[in-house]
Amino acid sequence: MVKTGVPGWLLLPAGLAVAFVGTPLIGLVPSVDWPNFWGLITSESSLAALRLSLLTAAASTLVCLLVGVPLALVLARMQFAGRRLLRTIVLLPLVLPPVVGGVALLTAFGRRGLIGRYLDLVGIQVAFTTLAVVMAQVFVSLPFLVISLEGALRSVDPRVEHVAATLGATPTRVFARVTLPMVGPALASGAVLSFARSLGEFGATLTFAGSLQGVTRTLPLEIYLQREVDQDAAVALSLLLVVVAAVIVAAVYGRDHQP
């Protein structure tokens, strides 16, 4: 009888990986001031930060879908000079420190930036606004959607699309009715990862958007601020962010990968 599956010796390093990631997260639980937990997470500043985080993360995920899906399709299907360079540029935020992304955005869209100086002439200010929060989140989360979807698009059997085309379907109809449904799980996973990454964004947001309550102070920024003045509030809000992110990822990403 042929035995297949996971070699037993791999369970040890796999368990170590789970312990390394899970232990700090579990460690938050006994550190929480549970008698005052509700009050800590429902303060005016906490609720404003959570509301802003959810709204901006949703907006940035929508932007990622609108521009990331076409970009992934171009990278997966089109052959052109400079495609490798384009892919490198798109995926670069994955390895850059977020604060570098914030500085780059500031030099491009700040009042004296490459583009921002012209926007300022017509009275449009981008930096240190809620729009800047969304832009910072898109910058760091877009690669997650593109890399997930590009791989899925490459795995689609082109014969299915060719059959639809021979039946008279336009390229747009083939893409909408055939291609997108086939890569639906990858698209959902990429969108969830983008949302979760946007929800936890800190460095680029602080550098490009600042920390103005109700305007640019997202939940990660509120946690950082509370860490300096109220450690109990920082721990409570950290646990809240972990729970929100875990629910989002488990609800969509986990379900799509059920055997």
C-alpha atoms as a PDB file:
ATOM      1  CA  MET A   1       0.000   0.000   0.000  1.00  0.00           C
ATOM      2  CA  VAL A   2       1.424   3.370  -1.037  1.00  0.00           C
ATOM      3  CA  LYS A   3       1.423   5.956   1.719  1.00  0.00           C
ATOM      4  CA  THR A   4       0.854   9.570   0.779  1.00  0.00           C
ATOM      5  CA  GLY A   5       0.392  12.750   2.755  1.00  0.00           C
ATOM      6  CA  VAL A   6       2.540  14.901   4.975  1.00  0.00           C
ATOM      7  CA  PRO A   7       5.792  13.356   6.283  1.00  0.00           C
ATOM      8  CA  GLY A   8       5.584  13.052  10.047  1.00  0.00           C
ATOM      9  CA  TRP A   9       8.840  14.889  10.700  1.00  0.00           C
ATOM     10  CA  LEU A  10       7.400  18.045   9.111  1.00  0.00           C
ATOM     11  CA  LEU A  11       4.861  18.355  11.922  1.00  0.00           C
ATOM     12  CA  LEU A  12       7.536  19.629  14.317  1.00  0.00           C
ATOM     13  CA  PRO A  13       8.640  22.693  12.300  1.00  0.00           C
ATOM     14  CA  ALA A  14       5.013  23.318  11.343  1.00  0.00           C
ATOM     15  CA  GLY A  15       4.050  23.296  15.009  1.00  0.00           C
ATOM     16  CA  LEU A  16       6.928  25.640  15.843  1.00  0.00           C
ATOM     17  CA  ALA A  17       5.704  28.061  13.178  1.00  0.00           C
ATOM     18  CA  VAL A  18       2.181  28.029  14.606  1.00  0.00           C
ATOM     19  CA  ALA A  19       3.533  28.520  18.130  1.00  0.00           C
ATOM     20  CA  PHE A  20       5.736  31.410  17.026  1.00  0.00           C
ATOM     21  CA  VAL A  21       2.827  33.246  15.406  1.00  0.00           C
ATOM     22  CA  GLY A  22       0.095  32.231  17.821  1.00  0.00           C
ATOM     23  CA  THR A  23       1.806  32.682  21.182  1.00  0.00           C
ATOM     24  CA  PRO A  24       2.139  36.488  21.009  1.00  0.00           C
ATOM     25  CA  LEU A  25      -1.485  36.776  19.871  1.00  0.00           C
ATOM     26  CA  ILE A  26      -2.716  34.513  22.658  1.00  0.00           C
ATOM     27  CA  GLY A  27      -0.509  36.469  25.049  1.00  0.00           C
ATOM     28  CA  LEU A  28      -2.725  39.499  24.534  1.00  0.00           C
ATOM     29  CA  VAL A  29      -5.659  37.790  26.258  1.00  0.00           C
ATOM     30  CA  PRO A  30      -4.337  37.604  29.838  1.00  0.00           C
ATOM     31  CA  SER A  31      -2.833  41.093  29.470  1.00  0.00           C
ATOM     32  CA  VAL A  32      -6.221  42.732  28.877  1.00  0.00           C
ATOM     33  CA  ASP A  33      -7.866  44.717  31.659  1.00  0.00           C
ATOM     34  CA  TRP A  34     -11.089  42.738  31.313  1.00  0.00           C
ATOM     35  CA  PRO A  35     -13.176  44.632  33.938  1.00  0.00           C
ATOM     36  CA  ASN A  36     -12.659  47.822  31.935  1.00  0.00           C
ATOM     37  CA  PHE A  37     -12.371  46.235  28.482  1.00  0.00           C
ATOM     38  CA  TRP A  38     -15.680  47.496  27.120  1.00  0.00           C
ATOM     39  CA  GLY A  39     -15.025  51.026  28.239  1.00  0.00           C
ATOM     40  CA  LEU A  40     -11.542  50.990  26.732  1.00  0.00           C
ATOM     41  CA  ILE A  41     -12.700  49.925  23.264  1.00  0.00           C
ATOM     42  CA  THR A  42     -15.819  52.111  23.202  1.00  0.00           C
ATOM     43  CA  SER A  43     -14.232  55.428  24.070  1.00  0.00           C
ATOM     44  CA  GLU A  44     -14.907  58.234  21.618  1.00  0.00           C
ATOM     45  CA  SER A  45     -11.406  58.151  20.163  1.00  0.00           C
ATOM     46  CA  SER A  46     -11.394  54.350  19.872  1.00  0.00           C
ATOM     47  CA  LEU A  47     -14.726  54.185  18.058  1.00  0.00           C
ATOM     48  CA  ALA A  48     -13.705  57.016  15.725  1.00  0.00           C
ATOM     49  CA  ALA A  49     -10.466  55.204  14.890  1.00  0.00           C
ATOM     50  CA  LEU A  50     -12.231  51.876  14.313  1.00  0.00           C
ATOM     51  CA  ARG A  51     -14.886  53.491  12.129  1.00  0.00           C
ATOM     52  CA  LEU A  52     -12.262  55.291  10.064  1.00  0.00           C
ATOM     53  CA  SER A  53     -10.203  52.105   9.690  1.00  0.00           C
ATOM     54  CA  LEU A  54     -13.156  50.075   8.423  1.00  0.00           C
ATOM     55  CA  LEU A  55     -14.300  52.792   5.997  1.00  0.00           C
ATOM     56  CA  THR A  56     -10.855  53.487   4.548  1.00  0.00           C
ATOM     57  CA  ALA A  57      -9.986  49.790   4.327  1.00  0.00           C
ATOM     58  CA  ALA A  58     -13.227  49.160   2.425  1.00  0.00           C
ATOM     59  CA  ALA A  59     -12.517  52.095   0.099  1.00  0.00           C
ATOM     60  CA  SER A  60      -8.931  51.016  -0.544  1.00  0.00           C
ATOM     61  CA  THR A  61     -10.035  47.440  -1.237  1.00  0.00           C
ATOM     62  CA  LEU A  62     -12.551  48.721  -3.780  1.00  0.00           C
ATOM     63  CA  VAL A  63      -9.810  50.743  -5.475  1.00  0.00           C
ATOM     64  CA  CYS A  64      -7.550  47.689  -5.479  1.00  0.00           C
ATOM     65  CA  LEU A  65     -10.280  45.673  -7.204  1.00  0.00           C
ATOM     66  CA  LEU A  66     -10.941  48.377  -9.806  1.00  0.00           C
ATOM     67  CA  VAL A  67      -7.306  48.767 -10.832  1.00  0.00           C
ATOM     68  CA  GLY A  68      -5.759  45.518  -9.604  1.00  0.00           C
ATOM     69  CA  VAL A  69      -7.926  43.118 -11.626  1.00  0.00           C
ATOM     70  CA  PRO A  70      -7.056  44.748 -14.981  1.00  0.00           C
ATOM     71  CA  LEU A  71      -3.400  44.971 -13.928  1.00  0.00           C
ATOM     72  CA  ALA A  72      -3.266  41.278 -12.993  1.00  0.00           C
ATOM     73  CA  LEU A  73      -4.857  40.389 -16.328  1.00  0.00           C
ATOM     74  CA  VAL A  74      -2.288  42.458 -18.233  1.00  0.00           C
ATOM     75  CA  LEU A  75       0.596  40.845 -16.362  1.00  0.00           C
ATOM     76  CA  ALA A  76      -0.794  37.337 -16.793  1.00  0.00           C
ATOM     77  CA  ARG A  77      -1.903  37.454 -20.422  1.00  0.00           C
ATOM     78  CA  MET A  78      -0.013  40.128 -22.354  1.00  0.00           C
ATOM     79  CA  GLN A  79       3.505  39.826 -23.715  1.00  0.00           C
ATOM     80  CA  PHE A  80       5.354  43.134 -23.981  1.00  0.00           C
ATOM     81  CA  ALA A  81       8.748  44.665 -23.377  1.00  0.00           C
ATOM     82  CA  GLY A  82       9.160  45.744 -19.784  1.00  0.00           C
ATOM     83  CA  ARG A  83       6.621  43.345 -18.313  1.00  0.00           C
ATOM     84  CA  ARG A  84       9.165  42.051 -15.793  1.00  0.00           C
ATOM     85  CA  LEU A  85      10.005  45.603 -14.766  1.00  0.00           C
ATOM     86  CA  LEU A  86       6.304  46.423 -14.401  1.00  0.00           C
ATOM     87  CA  ARG A  87       5.745  43.385 -12.199  1.00  0.00           C
ATOM     88  CA  THR A  88       8.739  44.367 -10.068  1.00  0.00           C
ATOM     89  CA  ILE A  89       7.367  47.875  -9.562  1.00  0.00           C
ATOM     90  CA  VAL A  90       3.905  46.591  -8.642  1.00  0.00           C
ATOM     91  CA  LEU A  91       5.215  44.049  -6.134  1.00  0.00           C
ATOM     92  CA  LEU A  92       7.900  46.307  -4.635  1.00  0.00           C
ATOM     93  CA  PRO A  93       5.675  47.533  -1.752  1.00  0.00           C
ATOM     94  CA  LEU A  94       5.655  43.941  -0.462  1.00  0.00           C
ATOM     95  CA  VAL A  95       9.315  44.241   0.551  1.00  0.00           C
ATOM     96  CA  LEU A  96       9.612  47.976   1.230  1.00  0.00           C
ATOM     97  CA  PRO A  97       9.242  49.273   4.788  1.00  0.00           C
ATOM     98  CA  PRO A  98       5.822  50.981   4.911  1.00  0.00           C
ATOM     99  CA  VAL A  99       7.422  54.218   6.086  1.00  0.00           C
ATOM    100  CA  VAL A 100       9.387  54.317   2.826  1.00  0.00           C
ATOM    101  CA  GLY A 101       6.101  54.035   0.963  1.00  0.00           C
ATOM    102  CA  GLY A 102       4.778  56.955   2.988  1.00  0.00           C
ATOM    103  CA  VAL A 103       7.818  59.077   2.158  1.00  0.00           C
ATOM    104  CA  ALA A 104       7.480  58.158  -1.528  1.00  0.00           C
ATOM    105  CA  LEU A 105       3.799  59.136  -1.529  1.00  0.00           C
ATOM    106  CA  LEU A 106       4.643  62.384   0.216  1.00  0.00           C
ATOM    107  CA  THR A 107       7.290  63.282  -2.383  1.00  0.00           C
ATOM    108  CA  ALA A 108       4.763  62.585  -5.126  1.00  0.00           C
ATOM    109  CA  PHE A 109       1.527  63.982  -3.708  1.00  0.00           C
ATOM    110  CA  GLY A 110       2.644  66.356  -0.965  1.00  0.00           C
ATOM    111  CA  ARG A 111       2.165  70.107  -1.420  1.00  0.00           C
ATOM    112  CA  ARG A 112       5.643  70.374  -2.967  1.00  0.00           C
ATOM    113  CA  GLY A 113       5.601  66.907  -4.504  1.00  0.00           C
ATOM    114  CA  LEU A 114       5.981  65.888  -8.100  1.00  0.00           C
ATOM    115  CA  ILE A 115       2.211  65.881  -8.668  1.00  0.00           C
ATOM    116  CA  GLY A 116       1.005  67.540  -5.500  1.00  0.00           C
ATOM    117  CA  ARG A 117       2.428  70.938  -6.421  1.00  0.00           C
ATOM    118  CA  TYR A 118       0.107  71.088  -9.433  1.00  0.00           C
ATOM    119  CA  LEU A 119      -2.873  69.861  -7.426  1.00  0.00           C
ATOM    120  CA  ASP A 120      -2.153  72.553  -4.867  1.00  0.00           C
ATOM    121  CA  LEU A 121      -2.414  75.216  -7.571  1.00  0.00           C
ATOM    122  CA  VAL A 122      -6.078  74.297  -8.090  1.00  0.00           C
ATOM    123  CA  GLY A 123      -6.788  74.025  -4.381  1.00  0.00           C
ATOM    124  CA  ILE A 124      -6.545  70.251  -4.022  1.00  0.00           C
ATOM    125  CA  GLN A 125      -4.594  68.954  -1.043  1.00  0.00           C
ATOM    126  CA  VAL A 126      -3.987  65.245  -0.739  1.00  0.00           C
ATOM    127  CA  ALA A 127      -1.450  64.739   2.043  1.00  0.00           C
ATOM    128  CA  PHE A 128      -2.766  64.633   5.623  1.00  0.00           C
ATOM    129  CA  THR A 129      -6.351  63.988   4.547  1.00  0.00           C
ATOM    130  CA  THR A 130      -8.613  60.940   4.642  1.00  0.00           C
ATOM    131  CA  LEU A 131      -7.851  60.475   0.947  1.00  0.00           C
ATOM    132  CA  ALA A 132      -4.185  60.154   1.885  1.00  0.00           C
ATOM    133  CA  VAL A 133      -5.101  57.294   4.247  1.00  0.00           C
ATOM    134  CA  VAL A 134      -6.827  55.435   1.400  1.00  0.00           C
ATOM    135  CA  MET A 135      -3.906  56.077  -0.961  1.00  0.00           C
ATOM    136  CA  ALA A 136      -1.396  54.793   1.586  1.00  0.00           C
ATOM    137  CA  GLN A 137      -3.484  51.656   2.115  1.00  0.00           C
ATOM    138  CA  VAL A 138      -3.815  51.045  -1.619  1.00  0.00           C
ATOM    139  CA  PHE A 139      -0.060  51.433  -2.046  1.00  0.00           C
ATOM    140  CA  VAL A 140       0.742  48.669   0.450  1.00  0.00           C
ATOM    141  CA  SER A 141      -2.217  46.340  -0.218  1.00  0.00           C
ATOM    142  CA  LEU A 142      -2.514  46.351  -4.026  1.00  0.00           C
ATOM    143  CA  PRO A 143       0.312  43.796  -4.498  1.00  0.00           C
ATOM    144  CA  PHE A 144      -1.583  41.226  -2.422  1.00  0.00           C
ATOM    145  CA  LEU A 145      -4.505  41.311  -4.835  1.00  0.00           C
ATOM    146  CA  VAL A 146      -2.359  41.369  -7.969  1.00  0.00           C
ATOM    147  CA  ILE A 147      -0.082  38.499  -6.970  1.00  0.00           C
ATOM    148  CA  SER A 148      -3.034  36.308  -5.919  1.00  0.00           C
ATOM    149  CA  LEU A 149      -5.029  36.960  -9.065  1.00  0.00           C
ATOM    150  CA  GLU A 150      -2.161  36.809 -11.541  1.00  0.00           C
ATOM    151  CA  GLY A 151      -1.261  33.287 -10.448  1.00  0.00           C
ATOM    152  CA  ALA A 152      -4.887  32.170 -10.762  1.00  0.00           C
ATOM    153  CA  LEU A 153      -5.236  33.717 -14.220  1.00  0.00           C
ATOM    154  CA  ARG A 154      -2.158  31.848 -15.407  1.00  0.00           C
ATOM    155  CA  SER A 155      -3.693  28.559 -14.280  1.00  0.00           C
ATOM    156  CA  VAL A 156      -6.965  29.035 -16.182  1.00  0.00           C
ATOM    157  CA  ASP A 157      -7.323  26.646 -19.122  1.00  0.00           C
ATOM    158  CA  PRO A 158      -7.298  28.952 -22.184  1.00  0.00           C
ATOM    159  CA  ARG A 159      -9.339  26.427 -24.177  1.00  0.00           C
ATOM    160  CA  VAL A 160     -12.440  27.320 -22.166  1.00  0.00           C
ATOM    161  CA  GLU A 161     -12.060  30.961 -23.105  1.00  0.00           C
ATOM    162  CA  HIS A 162     -11.377  30.052 -26.725  1.00  0.00           C
ATOM    163  CA  VAL A 163     -14.597  28.052 -26.892  1.00  0.00           C
ATOM    164  CA  ALA A 164     -16.572  31.016 -25.594  1.00  0.00           C
ATOM    165  CA  ALA A 165     -14.882  33.282 -28.139  1.00  0.00           C
ATOM    166  CA  THR A 166     -15.691  30.932 -31.032  1.00  0.00           C
ATOM    167  CA  LEU A 167     -19.344  31.060 -29.974  1.00  0.00           C
ATOM    168  CA  GLY A 168     -19.331  34.791 -30.647  1.00  0.00           C
ATOM    169  CA  ALA A 169     -18.596  36.200 -27.196  1.00  0.00           C
ATOM    170  CA  THR A 170     -16.629  39.439 -27.154  1.00  0.00           C
ATOM    171  CA  PRO A 171     -13.384  39.618 -25.124  1.00  0.00           C
ATOM    172  CA  THR A 172     -15.208  41.651 -22.482  1.00  0.00           C
ATOM    173  CA  ARG A 173     -18.013  39.087 -22.239  1.00  0.00           C
ATOM    174  CA  VAL A 174     -15.521  36.218 -22.071  1.00  0.00           C
ATOM    175  CA  PHE A 175     -13.690  37.977 -19.262  1.00  0.00           C
ATOM    176  CA  ALA A 176     -16.869  38.747 -17.303  1.00  0.00           C
ATOM    177  CA  ARG A 177     -18.773  35.496 -17.862  1.00  0.00           C
ATOM    178  CA  VAL A 178     -15.977  32.932 -18.102  1.00  0.00           C
ATOM    179  CA  THR A 179     -12.642  34.134 -16.742  1.00  0.00           C
ATOM    180  CA  LEU A 180     -13.765  35.966 -13.603  1.00  0.00           C
ATOM    181  CA  PRO A 181     -15.968  33.122 -12.300  1.00  0.00           C
ATOM    182  CA  MET A 182     -13.074  30.690 -12.782  1.00  0.00           C
ATOM    183  CA  VAL A 183     -10.733  32.823 -10.682  1.00  0.00           C
ATOM    184  CA  GLY A 184     -13.423  33.844  -8.199  1.00  0.00           C
ATOM    185  CA  PRO A 185     -11.848  32.164  -5.129  1.00  0.00           C
ATOM    186  CA  ALA A 186      -8.462  33.754  -5.841  1.00  0.00           C
ATOM    187  CA  LEU A 187     -10.136  37.125  -6.367  1.00  0.00           C
ATOM    188  CA  ALA A 188     -11.994  36.836  -3.055  1.00  0.00           C
ATOM    189  CA  SER A 189      -8.835  35.768  -1.238  1.00  0.00           C
ATOM    190  CA  GLY A 190      -6.834  38.613  -2.732  1.00  0.00           C
ATOM    191  CA  ALA A 191      -9.526  41.124  -1.807  1.00  0.00           C
ATOM    192  CA  VAL A 192      -9.665  39.854   1.781  1.00  0.00           C
ATOM    193  CA  LEU A 193      -5.889  39.977   2.126  1.00  0.00           C
ATOM    194  CA  SER A 194      -5.900  43.510   0.743  1.00  0.00           C
ATOM    195  CA  PHE A 195      -8.611  44.543   3.202  1.00  0.00           C
ATOM    196  CA  ALA A 196      -6.780  42.980   6.134  1.00  0.00           C
ATOM    197  CA  ARG A 197      -3.494  44.598   5.092  1.00  0.00           C
ATOM    198  CA  SER A 198      -5.222  47.969   4.757  1.00  0.00           C
ATOM    199  CA  LEU A 199      -6.839  47.553   8.161  1.00  0.00           C
ATOM    200  CA  GLY A 200      -3.451  47.057   9.795  1.00  0.00           C
ATOM    201  CA  GLU A 201      -1.500  49.678   7.848  1.00  0.00           C
ATOM    202  CA  PHE A 202       0.553  52.005  10.044  1.00  0.00           C
ATOM    203  CA  GLY A 203       3.865  53.325   8.697  1.00  0.00           C
ATOM    204  CA  ALA A 204       2.784  54.708   5.331  1.00  0.00           C
ATOM    205  CA  THR A 205      -0.372  56.178   6.851  1.00  0.00           C
ATOM    206  CA  LEU A 206       1.465  57.976   9.644  1.00  0.00           C
ATOM    207  CA  THR A 207       4.070  59.385   7.258  1.00  0.00           C
ATOM    208  CA  PHE A 208       1.739  60.469   4.449  1.00  0.00           C
ATOM    209  CA  ALA A 209      -1.528  61.181   6.283  1.00  0.00           C
ATOM    210  CA  GLY A 210      -0.493  62.036   9.814  1.00  0.00           C
ATOM    211  CA  SER A 211      -2.585  61.292  12.904  1.00  0.00           C
ATOM    212  CA  LEU A 212      -5.601  63.611  13.067  1.00  0.00           C
ATOM    213  CA  GLN A 213      -8.485  62.264  15.140  1.00  0.00           C
ATOM    214  CA  GLY A 214     -11.524  61.505  13.017  1.00  0.00           C
ATOM    215  CA  VAL A 215      -9.644  62.371   9.827  1.00  0.00           C
ATOM    216  CA  THR A 216      -6.529  60.223   9.486  1.00  0.00           C
ATOM    217  CA  ARG A 217      -6.069  58.451  12.836  1.00  0.00           C
ATOM    218  CA  THR A 218      -6.884  54.838  12.063  1.00  0.00           C
ATOM    219  CA  LEU A 219      -6.998  52.099  14.683  1.00  0.00           C
ATOM    220  CA  PRO A 220      -3.282  51.164  14.402  1.00  0.00           C
ATOM    221  CA  LEU A 221      -2.372  54.827  14.931  1.00  0.00           C
ATOM    222  CA  GLU A 222      -4.743  55.035  17.899  1.00  0.00           C
ATOM    223  CA  ILE A 223      -3.072  51.950  19.399  1.00  0.00           C
ATOM    224  CA  TYR A 224       0.352  53.540  18.977  1.00  0.00           C
ATOM    225  CA  LEU A 225      -0.852  56.750  20.607  1.00  0.00           C
ATOM    226  CA  GLN A 226      -2.523  54.942  23.510  1.00  0.00           C
ATOM    227  CA  ARG A 227       0.637  52.907  24.085  1.00  0.00           C
ATOM    228  CA  GLU A 228       2.331  56.105  25.223  1.00  0.00           C
ATOM    229  CA  VAL A 229      -0.441  57.227  27.592  1.00  0.00           C
ATOM    230  CA  ASP A 230      -2.598  54.204  28.482  1.00  0.00           C
ATOM    231  CA  GLN A 231      -1.090  50.727  28.154  1.00  0.00           C
ATOM    232  CA  ASP A 232      -4.377  49.010  29.047  1.00  0.00           C
ATOM    233  CA  ALA A 233      -6.181  50.808  26.222  1.00  0.00           C
ATOM    234  CA  ALA A 234      -3.419  49.882  23.784  1.00  0.00           C
ATOM    235  CA  VAL A 235      -3.661  46.193  24.697  1.00  0.00           C
ATOM    236  CA  ALA A 236      -7.465  46.192  24.518  1.00  0.00           C
ATOM    237  CA  LEU A 237      -7.500  47.873  21.106  1.00  0.00           C
ATOM    238  CA  SER A 238      -4.772  45.519  19.859  1.00  0.00           C
ATOM    239  CA  LEU A 239      -6.906  42.526  20.807  1.00  0.00           C
ATOM    240  CA  LEU A 240      -9.902  44.144  19.106  1.00  0.00           C
ATOM    241  CA  LEU A 241      -7.920  44.615  15.891  1.00  0.00           C
ATOM    242  CA  VAL A 242      -6.691  41.013  16.020  1.00  0.00           C
ATOM    243  CA  VAL A 243     -10.253  39.714  16.448  1.00  0.00           C
ATOM    244  CA  VAL A 244     -11.650  41.868  13.625  1.00  0.00           C
ATOM    245  CA  ALA A 245      -8.866  40.832  11.247  1.00  0.00           C
ATOM    246  CA  ALA A 246      -9.195  37.156  12.213  1.00  0.00           C
ATOM    247  CA  VAL A 247     -12.953  37.146  11.620  1.00  0.00           C
ATOM    248  CA  ILE A 248     -12.542  38.763   8.201  1.00  0.00           C
ATOM    249  CA  VAL A 249      -9.832  36.392   7.050  1.00  0.00           C
ATOM    250  CA  ALA A 250     -11.508  33.268   8.455  1.00  0.00           C
ATOM    251  CA  ALA A 251     -14.916  34.146   7.007  1.00  0.00           C
ATOM    252  CA  VAL A 252     -13.747  34.382   3.416  1.00  0.00           C
ATOM    253  CA  TYR A 253     -10.215  33.097   3.001  1.00  0.00           C
ATOM    254  CA  GLY A 254     -10.715  30.028   5.170  1.00  0.00           C
ATOM    255  CA  ARG A 255     -14.021  29.086   3.552  1.00  0.00           C
ATOM    256  CA  ASP A 256     -12.582  29.304   0.040  1.00  0.00           C
ATOM    257  CA  HIS A 257      -9.912  26.784   0.933  1.00  0.00           C
ATOM    258  CA  GLN A 258     -12.099  24.067   2.386  1.00  0.00           C
ATOM    259  CA  PRO A 259     -11.253  20.670   0.828  1.00  0.00           C
END
